[in-house]
Amino acid sequence: MRGIDTRAWAPDGAGSRHAPGFPTAPFAEVGTRPDLVATLVRRCDRHPAPRAGVVFPVDAPSLAGALQAHRAGVVRARLIGPRDRIHEVAAGAHLSLYDLEVTDVPDEPSALAAAADAVRDGRVDLLVKGSGHSRSLLHAVLECATEPRSARRASHVFVVAVPRWPRLLLVTDAVVNTFPDLCDKADIVRNAVDLARLLGVERPKVAVLGAVEDVETSMPSTIHAATLAQMGRRGQLGPAMVDGPLALDDALDARALAAKGIASPLGGQADVLVVPTIEAGNILYKALVVLGGAVAAGVVVQTPVPVVLASRSDSVETRVASAALGSIWVGRAAVPLRAAG
């Protein structure tokens, strides 16, 4: 398990978010390799720490991630799960539970039910997956809405920091929507644009990815991409520049555009990568992490509360960054989109 020294984040004591040395520029301008955790934690300083329900944290990584995020002041965590088992895991991993509250329930189904009740009653602002199942948590959240669901479709967004790459990238949707149709993809783009603007990019450059750059009637994803590009030009997807279909190299490398004779308004400098299917997105983000050494934080938005779905293999660093991303989304009302960055 990879640990993080949160003393660098909280020099004035637990919960402080005023540590020196954080980058202050919008994320597209941070250094030669963006420090994902520092960048996202710094952005959390703009609003009060939200209340986070951490659902069934009965392994060391999920428990350590919740503890670190709480101590860094990113969230105010409440653990939901079997108290004795949680304390046993904490003791085995040499973790102090600090001042974290525990809602004592016997098993994962009970934890999901307690989390759903907390959402209905307005006692939590976001949920963080512990060591349970992602689909079960998402289902519980979607079923617990007390009001009509958002007009937009829920989607997942990764924010990825890649070594030797000067900007953070958003990848969507690699987790929730399996085979999104055109209407789904329009909402996926809108959600990603909103998040990018919260992170400091006033007019995100959105690349709708495909295997080819031309519209092929045998490849529906290229038709979707071209339609989304036209919707973007007409302002239907928010304040963003949208183009597609584009291959991955076209989205990120101006030399590829020049070599292929493609005129793209993105200029090979995309901020957001929209994938055609969940399989493509999953492969892309894992390739960046496993082969490229990237760090990826992720959150599901447009659910009754945002949901952080950590993978079992995620480091503590990734878990803290993901909690920070959820915190930023919760705090969007306190930081209007027009003022982001």
Protein backbone atom coordinates (compact mmCIF):
# COMPACT_ATOMS: atom_id res chain seq x y z
CA MET A 1 0.00 0.00 0.00
CA ARG A 2 1.35 3.39 -0.98
CA GLY A 3 1.09 5.96 1.76
CA ILE A 4 0.93 9.75 1.68
CA ASP A 5 2.40 12.10 4.24
CA THR A 6 -0.50 14.45 4.83
CA ARG A 7 1.59 16.53 7.21
CA ALA A 8 2.64 18.43 4.10
CA TRP A 9 -1.02 19.18 3.48
CA ALA A 10 -1.99 20.10 7.01
CA PRO A 11 0.90 21.93 8.70
CA ASP A 12 -1.45 23.81 11.00
CA GLY A 13 -3.06 20.64 12.32
CA ALA A 14 -5.50 18.06 11.09
CA GLY A 15 -8.06 19.39 8.66
CA SER A 16 -6.07 22.45 7.55
CA ARG A 17 -6.12 23.15 3.83
CA HIS A 18 -3.86 26.18 3.80
CA ALA A 19 -0.52 24.49 3.25
CA PRO A 20 2.12 26.49 1.37
CA GLY A 21 3.54 25.38 -1.94
CA PHE A 22 0.36 24.39 -3.77
CA PRO A 23 0.07 25.36 -7.42
CA THR A 24 -2.28 28.30 -7.94
CA ALA A 25 -2.57 28.30 -11.73
CA PRO A 26 -5.44 26.63 -13.60
CA PHE A 27 -4.72 22.96 -14.04
CA ALA A 28 -3.88 23.30 -17.72
CA GLU A 29 -0.88 25.42 -16.75
CA VAL A 30 0.61 23.47 -13.85
CA GLY A 31 4.25 22.55 -14.43
CA THR A 32 5.55 19.83 -16.68
CA ARG A 33 3.85 17.04 -14.75
CA PRO A 34 0.79 18.13 -12.84
CA ASP A 35 0.70 16.97 -9.23
CA LEU A 36 -2.83 15.64 -9.21
CA VAL A 37 -3.30 15.39 -5.46
CA ALA A 38 -1.88 18.84 -4.70
CA THR A 39 -3.82 20.46 -7.53
CA LEU A 40 -7.17 18.97 -6.52
CA VAL A 41 -6.66 19.43 -2.78
CA ARG A 42 -5.80 23.07 -3.39
CA ARG A 43 -9.06 23.56 -5.29
CA CYS A 44 -10.99 22.14 -2.33
CA ASP A 45 -9.85 25.15 -0.32
CA ARG A 46 -12.48 27.25 -2.08
CA HIS A 47 -15.45 25.74 -0.24
CA PRO A 48 -16.28 23.99 3.05
CA ALA A 49 -15.35 20.32 3.26
CA PRO A 50 -18.45 18.26 2.37
CA ARG A 51 -19.81 15.38 4.42
CA ALA A 52 -18.70 12.09 2.86
CA GLY A 53 -20.19 8.69 3.61
CA VAL A 54 -17.49 6.04 3.15
CA VAL A 55 -19.38 2.84 2.42
CA PHE A 56 -18.09 -0.48 3.80
CA PRO A 57 -14.38 0.43 4.25
CA VAL A 58 -13.20 -2.95 5.52
CA ASP A 59 -9.79 -3.13 3.88
CA ALA A 60 -6.66 -1.12 4.57
CA PRO A 61 -6.49 0.91 1.31
CA SER A 62 -10.06 2.20 1.49
CA LEU A 63 -9.74 2.95 5.20
CA ALA A 64 -6.40 4.72 4.75
CA GLY A 65 -7.77 6.74 1.83
CA ALA A 66 -10.74 7.92 3.87
CA LEU A 67 -8.52 8.80 6.80
CA GLN A 68 -6.04 10.74 4.65
CA ALA A 69 -8.79 12.66 2.84
CA HIS A 70 -10.38 13.53 6.18
CA ARG A 71 -7.12 14.69 7.72
CA ALA A 72 -6.28 16.77 4.65
CA GLY A 73 -9.58 18.59 5.05
CA VAL A 74 -10.84 17.40 1.67
CA VAL A 75 -13.97 15.83 3.20
CA ARG A 76 -15.54 15.25 6.58
CA ALA A 77 -15.66 11.47 6.49
CA ARG A 78 -18.13 9.18 8.23
CA LEU A 79 -17.48 5.45 7.97
CA ILE A 80 -20.46 3.19 7.28
CA GLY A 81 -19.81 -0.46 8.09
CA PRO A 82 -19.19 -3.01 10.87
CA ARG A 83 -17.46 -1.09 13.64
CA ASP A 84 -15.46 -3.99 15.09
CA ARG A 85 -14.20 -5.10 11.69
CA ILE A 86 -13.22 -1.55 10.77
CA HIS A 87 -11.26 -1.13 14.00
CA GLU A 88 -9.59 -4.51 13.45
CA VAL A 89 -8.45 -3.44 9.96
CA ALA A 90 -7.23 -0.11 11.32
CA ALA A 91 -5.20 -1.81 14.04
CA GLY A 92 -3.67 -4.26 11.58
CA ALA A 93 -2.64 -1.43 9.25
CA HIS A 94 -1.40 0.77 12.14
CA LEU A 95 -3.99 3.42 11.33
CA SER A 96 -5.48 5.74 13.90
CA LEU A 97 -9.12 6.42 13.16
CA TYR A 98 -8.57 9.90 14.53
CA ASP A 99 -11.98 11.54 15.04
CA LEU A 100 -13.88 9.65 12.34
CA GLU A 101 -17.45 8.70 13.19
CA VAL A 102 -18.64 5.18 12.44
CA THR A 103 -22.19 4.18 11.58
CA ASP A 104 -22.20 0.60 12.83
CA VAL A 105 -23.96 -1.86 10.51
CA PRO A 106 -23.23 -5.60 10.16
CA ASP A 107 -22.54 -6.14 6.45
CA GLU A 108 -22.34 -4.63 2.95
CA PRO A 109 -26.09 -4.70 2.15
CA SER A 110 -26.77 -2.92 5.45
CA ALA A 111 -24.05 -0.38 4.66
CA LEU A 112 -25.62 0.32 1.26
CA ALA A 113 -29.03 0.77 2.86
CA ALA A 114 -27.60 3.10 5.52
CA ALA A 115 -25.80 5.12 2.83
CA ALA A 116 -29.00 5.45 0.82
CA ASP A 117 -30.87 6.62 3.93
CA ALA A 118 -28.17 9.20 4.59
CA VAL A 119 -28.56 10.54 1.05
CA ARG A 120 -32.36 10.70 1.35
CA ASP A 121 -32.13 12.49 4.69
CA GLY A 122 -29.53 14.97 3.44
CA ARG A 123 -26.91 13.81 5.94
CA VAL A 124 -24.15 13.29 3.35
CA ASP A 125 -23.01 15.36 0.39
CA LEU A 126 -21.14 12.61 -1.43
CA LEU A 127 -20.46 8.89 -1.17
CA VAL A 128 -17.12 7.10 -1.37
CA LYS A 129 -16.90 3.39 -2.14
CA GLY A 130 -14.96 1.33 0.37
CA SER A 131 -14.29 -2.31 -0.46
CA GLY A 132 -17.73 -3.21 -1.77
CA HIS A 133 -19.05 -3.44 -5.32
CA SER A 134 -19.29 -0.36 -7.56
CA ARG A 135 -22.50 -1.38 -9.30
CA SER A 136 -24.23 -2.08 -6.00
CA LEU A 137 -23.35 1.35 -4.67
CA LEU A 138 -24.44 3.11 -7.84
CA HIS A 139 -27.74 1.23 -7.84
CA ALA A 140 -28.36 2.17 -4.21
CA VAL A 141 -27.65 5.84 -4.93
CA LEU A 142 -29.83 6.03 -8.03
CA GLU A 143 -32.72 4.31 -6.26
CA CYS A 144 -32.67 6.61 -3.26
CA ALA A 145 -33.55 9.86 -5.02
CA THR A 146 -36.36 11.74 -3.26
CA GLU A 147 -36.79 14.15 -6.19
CA PRO A 148 -37.00 13.57 -9.95
CA ARG A 149 -33.61 12.59 -11.26
CA SER A 150 -31.42 15.15 -12.98
CA ALA A 151 -32.39 15.98 -16.53
CA ARG A 152 -28.87 14.94 -17.45
CA ARG A 153 -27.60 11.41 -17.62
CA ALA A 154 -25.15 10.38 -14.89
CA SER A 155 -21.60 9.80 -16.07
CA HIS A 156 -18.12 9.17 -14.74
CA VAL A 157 -15.14 11.44 -15.37
CA PHE A 158 -11.48 10.61 -14.78
CA VAL A 159 -8.96 13.39 -14.29
CA VAL A 160 -5.56 12.01 -15.27
CA ALA A 161 -2.02 13.28 -14.63
CA VAL A 162 0.46 11.68 -17.02
CA PRO A 163 4.24 11.93 -16.51
CA ARG A 164 5.95 14.19 -19.04
CA TRP A 165 2.59 15.58 -20.16
CA PRO A 166 2.07 19.27 -19.37
CA ARG A 167 -1.69 19.23 -18.77
CA LEU A 168 -4.23 17.20 -16.90
CA LEU A 169 -6.61 15.22 -19.12
CA LEU A 170 -10.24 14.33 -18.56
CA VAL A 171 -11.38 10.90 -19.82
CA THR A 172 -15.09 10.08 -20.01
CA ASP A 173 -17.01 7.74 -19.71
CA ALA A 174 -14.98 4.71 -18.71
CA VAL A 175 -17.15 3.42 -15.84
CA VAL A 176 -20.91 4.03 -15.98
CA ASN A 177 -22.38 4.16 -19.51
CA THR A 178 -21.68 0.95 -21.39
CA PHE A 179 -22.87 1.75 -24.93
CA PRO A 180 -24.03 5.39 -24.78
CA ASP A 181 -26.24 6.69 -27.58
CA LEU A 182 -26.02 10.18 -29.02
CA CYS A 183 -28.19 11.78 -26.33
CA ASP A 184 -26.17 10.04 -23.61
CA LYS A 185 -22.92 11.27 -25.13
CA ALA A 186 -24.20 14.83 -25.28
CA ASP A 187 -24.76 14.71 -21.51
CA ILE A 188 -21.40 13.00 -20.99
CA VAL A 189 -19.76 15.93 -22.78
CA ARG A 190 -21.74 18.53 -20.83
CA ASN A 191 -20.79 16.92 -17.51
CA ALA A 192 -17.12 16.81 -18.42
CA VAL A 193 -17.19 20.42 -19.61
CA ASP A 194 -18.70 21.54 -16.31
CA LEU A 195 -16.03 19.68 -14.34
CA ALA A 196 -13.20 21.00 -16.52
CA ARG A 197 -14.42 24.55 -15.96
CA LEU A 198 -14.57 23.98 -12.21
CA LEU A 199 -10.93 22.94 -12.46
CA GLY A 200 -9.91 26.13 -14.23
CA VAL A 201 -10.33 25.62 -17.98
CA GLU A 202 -12.75 28.31 -19.14
CA ARG A 203 -13.38 26.85 -22.60
CA PRO A 204 -12.35 23.20 -22.63
CA LYS A 205 -11.20 21.54 -25.83
CA VAL A 206 -13.19 18.33 -26.21
CA ALA A 207 -12.07 15.55 -28.54
CA VAL A 208 -14.68 12.92 -29.38
CA LEU A 209 -12.52 9.89 -30.10
CA GLY A 210 -12.87 7.22 -32.75
CA ALA A 211 -10.80 4.72 -34.67
CA VAL A 212 -10.88 6.91 -37.81
CA GLU A 213 -11.23 10.61 -38.55
CA ASP A 214 -13.90 10.29 -41.23
CA VAL A 215 -17.59 9.63 -40.80
CA GLU A 216 -18.24 5.99 -41.64
CA THR A 217 -21.83 4.78 -41.81
CA SER A 218 -20.67 1.36 -40.64
CA MET A 219 -19.24 2.93 -37.44
CA PRO A 220 -22.04 4.67 -35.48
CA SER A 221 -19.51 6.21 -33.09
CA THR A 222 -18.15 8.38 -35.94
CA ILE A 223 -21.66 9.64 -36.70
CA HIS A 224 -22.11 10.45 -33.01
CA ALA A 225 -18.77 12.26 -32.96
CA ALA A 226 -19.53 14.39 -36.01
CA THR A 227 -22.97 15.28 -34.63
CA LEU A 228 -21.49 16.24 -31.27
CA ALA A 229 -18.94 18.45 -33.04
CA GLN A 230 -21.78 20.26 -34.81
CA MET A 231 -23.72 20.57 -31.55
CA GLY A 232 -20.60 22.04 -29.98
CA ARG A 233 -20.27 24.63 -32.73
CA ARG A 234 -23.88 25.68 -32.08
CA GLY A 235 -23.29 26.03 -28.34
CA GLN A 236 -25.50 23.09 -27.36
CA LEU A 237 -22.84 21.44 -25.20
CA GLY A 238 -21.80 24.42 -23.10
CA PRO A 239 -18.85 26.80 -23.41
CA ALA A 240 -16.50 24.35 -25.07
CA MET A 241 -14.71 23.66 -28.34
CA VAL A 242 -15.75 20.21 -29.60
CA ASP A 243 -14.38 18.24 -32.52
CA GLY A 244 -14.60 14.69 -33.80
CA PRO A 245 -14.24 12.03 -34.84
CA LEU A 246 -10.56 12.19 -33.98
CA ALA A 247 -8.05 9.44 -33.34
CA LEU A 248 -6.15 9.72 -30.06
CA ASP A 249 -3.00 11.07 -31.71
CA ASP A 250 -5.05 13.74 -33.52
CA ALA A 251 -6.52 14.86 -30.19
CA LEU A 252 -3.15 15.26 -28.48
CA ASP A 253 -0.50 15.91 -31.15
CA ALA A 254 -0.56 18.76 -33.67
CA ARG A 255 2.07 16.92 -35.70
CA ALA A 256 -0.37 14.07 -36.29
CA LEU A 257 -2.95 16.53 -37.60
CA ALA A 258 -0.41 18.08 -39.94
CA ALA A 259 0.81 14.72 -41.21
CA LYS A 260 -2.75 13.61 -41.95
CA GLY A 261 -3.85 16.95 -43.39
CA ILE A 262 -6.61 17.34 -40.82
CA ALA A 263 -7.83 20.80 -39.84
CA SER A 264 -9.07 20.63 -36.26
CA PRO A 265 -9.92 23.64 -34.09
CA LEU A 266 -8.46 21.75 -31.11
CA GLY A 267 -4.97 21.94 -32.61
CA GLY A 268 -3.93 18.68 -30.96
CA GLN A 269 -4.40 20.14 -27.47
CA ALA A 270 -7.51 18.44 -26.13
CA ASP A 271 -8.44 18.81 -22.47
CA VAL A 272 -11.26 16.23 -22.57
CA LEU A 273 -11.21 12.84 -24.28
CA VAL A 274 -14.68 11.39 -24.93
CA VAL A 275 -14.54 7.66 -25.65
CA PRO A 276 -17.06 5.76 -27.80
CA THR A 277 -17.80 2.97 -25.29
CA ILE A 278 -17.00 1.94 -21.74
CA GLU A 279 -14.58 -0.70 -23.03
CA ALA A 280 -12.53 1.86 -24.96
CA GLY A 281 -12.50 4.17 -21.95
CA ASN A 282 -11.47 1.45 -19.52
CA ILE A 283 -8.61 0.35 -21.77
CA LEU A 284 -7.47 3.94 -22.34
CA TYR A 285 -7.34 5.01 -18.71
CA LYS A 286 -5.73 1.77 -17.54
CA ALA A 287 -3.12 2.01 -20.29
CA LEU A 288 -2.28 5.52 -19.09
CA VAL A 289 -2.00 4.30 -15.49
CA VAL A 290 -0.26 0.93 -16.00
CA LEU A 291 1.99 1.73 -18.97
CA GLY A 292 2.27 5.49 -18.64
CA GLY A 293 2.61 5.78 -14.86
CA ALA A 294 -0.34 8.17 -14.67
CA VAL A 295 -2.44 8.96 -11.60
CA ALA A 296 -6.20 9.05 -12.26
CA ALA A 297 -8.90 10.44 -9.98
CA GLY A 298 -12.53 9.78 -10.81
CA VAL A 299 -16.08 10.71 -9.81
CA VAL A 300 -19.63 9.95 -10.93
CA VAL A 301 -21.73 13.11 -11.35
CA GLN A 302 -25.42 13.87 -11.94
CA THR A 303 -26.41 11.25 -9.37
CA PRO A 304 -28.36 12.41 -6.26
CA VAL A 305 -24.92 12.96 -4.68
CA PRO A 306 -21.58 12.47 -6.45
CA VAL A 307 -20.05 9.04 -6.03
CA VAL A 308 -16.34 8.18 -5.80
CA LEU A 309 -15.69 4.65 -7.05
CA ALA A 310 -12.17 3.59 -6.18
CA SER A 311 -10.73 0.48 -7.79
CA ARG A 312 -9.39 -2.24 -5.50
CA SER A 313 -5.93 -1.59 -6.97
CA ASP A 314 -6.01 2.18 -6.40
CA SER A 315 -3.33 3.71 -4.22
CA VAL A 316 -4.08 5.93 -1.24
CA GLU A 317 -2.88 8.85 -3.35
CA THR A 318 -5.51 8.10 -5.99
CA ARG A 319 -8.23 7.71 -3.37
CA VAL A 320 -7.45 11.11 -1.84
CA ALA A 321 -7.41 12.74 -5.28
CA SER A 322 -10.77 11.16 -6.15
CA ALA A 323 -12.31 12.34 -2.88
CA ALA A 324 -11.02 15.82 -3.67
CA LEU A 325 -12.62 15.66 -7.11
CA GLY A 326 -15.96 14.74 -5.54
CA SER A 327 -15.54 17.57 -3.06
CA ILE A 328 -14.94 20.04 -5.89
CA TRP A 329 -18.14 18.95 -7.62
CA VAL A 330 -20.13 19.32 -4.40
CA GLY A 331 -18.69 22.80 -3.93
CA ARG A 332 -19.60 24.00 -7.43
CA ALA A 333 -22.47 26.16 -6.11
CA ALA A 334 -19.92 28.08 -4.02
CA VAL A 335 -17.61 28.54 -7.03
CA PRO A 336 -19.72 29.61 -10.06
CA LEU A 337 -18.57 28.11 -13.33
CA ARG A 338 -18.01 31.50 -14.91
CA ALA A 339 -15.47 32.27 -12.18
CA ALA A 340 -13.57 28.97 -12.30
CA GLY A 341 -9.80 29.34 -12.34
